[in-house]
Each structure stands twice: as C-alpha cells, then as structure tokens.
C-alpha cells in the first residue's frame, strides 16, 4: 500500500457537489492499494498512520500523533498513486489493485483506523471526487508498506 499523508487544518471531499466527508484539524490520507497488498499491509499502515508524530508539542517540536491531539482523519482512495510514469507520458496502472481488491483493503484500512481511535471520514470509492484541504505546515509524507520496518 502507498499513502500520501498530509497534516491539515481542514479537509473535505465532495461527490457530485455534495460533501461526503469533512474534518477539521488532522490528517488527509490518500490511499493507494497495489495488487500485491495483503491484510498485513493494512494493519501496518493503519497503526503507522495514527501513531505518526507529526503534530507540534508545547515546545513546537513534532512529537504528537493524531491520537494525542484528538484530530480526525479523512481517508480518500486514490489508485493513481500506483501510476508508473517511467515510459512515455501516459501513466501505467498495472501495479494498482483491481477494483474489488482495492475496495476490500481500503475499507479494511478505514475500519482499522476507526478501531484505533480517531474519528474517520471517507470519500466514495471509485467516485469522481473533489478534495479540498488547508495544509498545515505544510507537512506531507509518503508511507509504503513494502520493505516495512516497525
């Protein structure tokens, strides 16, 4: 799995002009699933997401997690995170999971995030979405489950 995690002051996602997910302070997480991903990848990244210490403490040092701050998470599926642009100008999505597998692992990721404690909002899988955010920092990280270490 591949995640783009952004610390935000606010974020929302709309489908057909209607807001389907919205948070204040917390994390916007774009979620990409590959054909090789398993439940172990989901568990690893769910735990990593909620425990990332990227929020400032009283001394202005990034030492607090979304759990510590009481922040929320907006998780949005995005298969294009597995777009390969090495050859030519049109990305290849051969490494992205097929929709059925992508949906299953995306939903499991959201479920595990919720079980770990924060409020979690989502987009709609395979929908054409408009994502809005106010970056905080900005702080943006890429997390991957391949070659993982705890």
Protein backbone atom coordinates (compact mmCIF):
# COMPACT_ATOMS: atom_id res chain seq x y z
CA UNK A 1 0.00 0.00 0.00
CA UNK A 2 1.04 3.55 -0.58
CA UNK A 3 -0.27 6.52 1.40
CA UNK A 4 0.19 10.24 0.98
CA UNK A 5 -0.37 11.72 4.44
CA UNK A 6 -0.88 15.46 4.81
CA UNK A 7 -1.25 17.33 8.07
CA UNK A 8 -4.22 19.64 7.62
CA UNK A 9 -6.12 22.38 9.39
CA UNK A 10 -9.22 21.23 7.49
CA UNK A 11 -10.10 18.93 4.60
CA UNK A 12 -13.22 17.82 2.76
CA UNK A 13 -14.29 15.69 -0.16
CA UNK A 14 -17.28 16.25 -2.44
CA UNK A 15 -19.01 13.93 -4.87
CA UNK A 16 -21.50 15.43 -7.33
CA UNK A 17 -21.29 18.74 -5.46
CA UNK A 18 -22.28 17.17 -2.11
CA UNK A 19 -19.83 16.98 0.81
CA UNK A 20 -19.43 13.32 1.76
CA UNK A 21 -16.52 13.67 4.20
CA UNK A 22 -15.14 16.60 6.17
CA UNK A 23 -12.67 17.11 9.03
CA UNK A 24 -11.05 19.92 10.93
CA UNK A 25 -7.52 19.52 12.25
CA UNK A 26 -5.96 16.15 11.49
CA UNK A 27 -4.75 14.10 8.55
CA UNK A 28 -5.80 13.84 4.93
CA UNK A 29 -4.70 10.40 3.74
CA UNK A 30 -4.72 9.45 0.06
CA UNK A 31 -4.80 5.65 -0.10
CA UNK A 32 -3.40 3.54 -2.94
CA UNK A 33 -3.64 -0.24 -2.99
CA UNK A 34 -1.41 -2.48 -5.12
CA UNK A 35 -2.17 -5.94 -6.44
CA UNK A 36 0.43 -7.40 -4.03
CA UNK A 37 -1.06 -5.92 -0.82
CA UNK A 38 -2.48 -8.03 1.99
CA UNK A 39 -4.19 -7.55 5.33
CA UNK A 40 -0.76 -7.30 6.96
CA UNK A 41 -0.04 -4.19 4.86
CA UNK A 42 -3.33 -2.65 6.00
CA UNK A 43 -2.61 -3.32 9.69
CA UNK A 44 0.94 -1.97 9.46
CA UNK A 45 -0.15 1.27 7.79
CA UNK A 46 -3.23 1.84 9.96
CA UNK A 47 -1.07 1.68 13.08
CA UNK A 48 1.65 3.81 11.47
CA UNK A 49 -0.90 6.44 10.41
CA UNK A 50 -2.46 7.02 13.83
CA UNK A 51 0.90 6.98 15.62
CA UNK A 52 2.87 9.30 13.29
CA UNK A 53 4.29 12.04 15.48
CA UNK A 54 3.88 14.99 13.12
CA UNK A 55 1.93 17.46 15.27
CA UNK A 56 3.72 20.05 17.37
CA UNK A 57 4.04 19.71 21.14
CA UNK A 58 4.16 22.69 23.53
CA UNK A 59 7.79 23.33 22.51
CA UNK A 60 6.98 23.43 18.78
CA UNK A 61 8.57 20.03 18.12
CA UNK A 62 6.74 17.45 16.01
CA UNK A 63 6.19 14.99 18.81
CA UNK A 64 2.43 14.33 18.90
CA UNK A 65 0.20 12.00 16.90
CA UNK A 66 -3.34 12.49 15.62
CA UNK A 67 -4.42 10.40 18.61
CA UNK A 68 -2.59 12.74 21.01
CA UNK A 69 -4.22 15.84 19.51
CA UNK A 70 -7.74 14.45 19.18
CA UNK A 71 -7.61 15.13 15.45
CA UNK A 72 -9.54 13.33 12.74
CA UNK A 73 -8.60 11.51 9.54
CA UNK A 74 -10.07 11.91 6.06
CA UNK A 75 -9.18 8.80 4.04
CA UNK A 76 -9.62 9.04 0.26
CA UNK A 77 -8.96 6.17 -2.13
CA UNK A 78 -6.62 7.02 -5.00
CA UNK A 79 -5.46 4.25 -7.32
CA UNK A 80 -3.36 6.75 -9.29
CA UNK A 81 -0.75 6.58 -6.51
CA UNK A 82 0.40 3.46 -8.35
CA UNK A 83 0.75 5.24 -11.69
CA UNK A 84 4.08 4.36 -13.30
CA UNK A 85 5.44 7.17 -15.49
CA UNK A 86 8.83 5.67 -16.38
CA UNK A 87 7.96 5.03 -20.02
CA UNK A 88 6.27 7.62 -22.18
CA UNK A 89 3.88 10.29 -20.98
CA UNK A 90 0.82 8.20 -20.18
CA UNK A 91 0.94 6.52 -16.76
CA UNK A 92 0.55 2.76 -16.50
CA UNK A 93 -1.58 1.48 -13.62
CA UNK A 94 -0.51 -2.15 -13.87
CA UNK A 95 0.66 -2.16 -10.23
CA UNK A 96 -2.68 -0.90 -8.87
CA UNK A 97 -5.03 -3.47 -7.37
CA UNK A 98 -8.15 -4.41 -9.31
CA UNK A 99 -11.20 -2.53 -8.01
CA UNK A 100 -12.62 -5.42 -5.96
CA UNK A 101 -9.37 -5.92 -4.05
CA UNK A 102 -8.75 -2.17 -3.78
CA UNK A 103 -12.19 -1.63 -2.23
CA UNK A 104 -11.79 -4.51 0.22
CA UNK A 105 -8.39 -3.33 1.51
CA UNK A 106 -9.40 0.35 1.53
CA UNK A 107 -12.47 -0.47 3.63
CA UNK A 108 -10.35 -2.61 5.96
CA UNK A 109 -7.87 0.25 6.37
CA UNK A 110 -10.71 2.64 7.31
CA UNK A 111 -12.16 0.06 9.72
CA UNK A 112 -8.82 -0.43 11.45
CA UNK A 113 -8.23 3.33 11.70
CA UNK A 114 -11.60 3.69 13.44
CA UNK A 115 -10.80 0.83 15.82
CA UNK A 116 -7.57 2.59 16.77
CA UNK A 117 -9.47 5.64 17.97
CA UNK A 118 -9.69 8.72 15.75
CA UNK A 119 -12.82 9.92 14.00
CA UNK A 120 -12.51 8.87 10.36
CA UNK A 121 -14.32 10.33 7.37
CA UNK A 122 -14.04 8.99 3.83
CA UNK A 123 -14.59 9.70 0.20
CA UNK A 124 -16.50 7.29 -2.05
CA UNK A 125 -14.50 4.51 -3.68
CA UNK A 126 -14.21 4.90 -7.49
CA UNK A 127 -16.21 8.15 -7.48
CA UNK A 128 -15.05 11.31 -9.20
CA UNK A 129 -14.14 13.38 -6.14
CA UNK A 130 -13.20 16.98 -5.39
CA UNK A 131 -10.78 17.09 -2.46
CA UNK A 132 -10.14 20.38 -0.67
CA UNK A 133 -7.61 20.97 2.06
CA UNK A 134 -5.81 23.59 4.04
CA UNK A 135 -2.28 22.30 4.56
CA UNK A 136 -0.79 22.74 8.00
CA UNK A 137 2.94 23.34 7.75
CA UNK A 138 2.86 22.02 5.09
CA UNK A 139 3.71 18.55 6.32
CA UNK A 140 3.38 15.78 3.71
CA UNK A 141 4.74 12.25 4.00
CA UNK A 142 4.64 9.16 1.81
CA UNK A 143 4.18 5.87 3.64
CA UNK A 144 4.59 2.50 1.98
CA UNK A 145 4.11 -0.99 3.30
CA UNK A 146 6.71 -2.58 1.01
CA UNK A 147 10.02 -3.17 2.80
CA UNK A 148 8.38 -2.19 6.05
CA UNK A 149 10.02 -1.95 9.41
CA UNK A 150 8.10 -1.28 12.60
